Amino acid sequence: MTEQLQPIALPLLAMPARKKNRRVVALGRNGGEPRLETMTSEEWRDIARKAARARWAKKKG
């Protein structure tokens, strides 16, 4: 008694179109340079340490 199941077609939900904020898009094009200019060396070091820990955690686990 093996019955084959038939797939059910579900309607796709339409996602509303989003408008991008031009100012935010322009900031993203600059990369990390503006952020680097405003950070202290201590802040920069803390972010680098956190990133390194995250990378090593991925490799171990």
Protein backbone atom coordinates (compact mmCIF):
# COMPACT_ATOMS: atom_id res chain seq x y z
CA MET A 1 0.00 0.00 0.00
CA THR A 2 2.23 2.73 -1.21
CA GLU A 3 0.39 5.83 -2.22
CA GLN A 4 2.10 8.52 -4.16
CA LEU A 5 1.59 12.00 -2.81
CA GLN A 6 0.86 14.73 -5.29
CA PRO A 7 2.48 18.13 -4.80
CA ILE A 8 0.17 20.99 -3.99
CA ALA A 9 0.62 24.25 -5.87
CA LEU A 10 0.62 27.20 -3.49
CA PRO A 11 0.18 30.76 -4.71
CA LEU A 12 3.26 32.97 -4.33
CA LEU A 13 2.79 35.97 -2.11
CA ALA A 14 3.65 39.21 -3.83
CA MET A 15 6.29 41.21 -1.98
CA PRO A 16 5.76 44.96 -1.99
CA ALA A 17 8.44 46.86 -3.87
CA ARG A 18 10.82 48.75 -1.59
CA LYS A 19 12.38 52.05 -2.44
CA LYS A 20 15.99 52.45 -1.41
CA ASN A 21 17.11 55.52 0.44
CA ARG A 22 19.61 57.22 -1.88
CA ARG A 23 21.67 58.64 0.98
CA VAL A 24 22.09 55.23 2.60
CA VAL A 25 23.06 53.66 -0.73
CA ALA A 26 25.66 56.39 -1.29
CA LEU A 27 27.17 55.76 2.15
CA GLY A 28 27.47 52.06 1.38
CA ARG A 29 29.50 52.77 -1.73
CA ASN A 30 32.25 54.39 0.32
CA GLY A 31 32.98 51.20 2.20
CA GLY A 32 34.56 51.37 5.63
CA GLU A 33 36.71 54.44 5.03
CA PRO A 34 34.33 57.00 6.60
CA ARG A 35 33.87 54.71 9.59
CA LEU A 36 37.61 54.23 9.94
CA GLU A 37 38.19 57.98 10.01
CA THR A 38 35.87 58.43 12.99
CA MET A 39 37.01 55.45 15.10
CA THR A 40 39.76 55.42 17.67
CA SER A 41 42.51 52.81 17.50
CA GLU A 42 41.00 51.11 20.55
CA GLU A 43 37.59 50.78 18.86
CA TRP A 44 39.26 49.49 15.70
CA ARG A 45 41.22 46.90 17.71
CA ASP A 46 38.08 45.70 19.54
CA ILE A 47 36.22 45.22 16.26
CA ALA A 48 39.17 43.31 14.77
CA ARG A 49 39.36 41.03 17.82
CA LYS A 50 35.64 40.32 17.67
CA ALA A 51 35.89 39.47 13.96
CA ALA A 52 38.87 37.16 14.55
CA ARG A 53 37.03 35.33 17.32
CA ALA A 54 34.01 34.87 15.06
CA ARG A 55 36.17 33.45 12.28
CA TRP A 56 37.93 30.99 14.61
CA ALA A 57 34.61 29.93 16.16
CA LYS A 58 33.33 28.99 12.70
CA LYS A 59 36.40 26.85 11.99
CA LYS A 60 36.18 24.97 15.29
CA GLY A 61 32.47 24.32 15.33
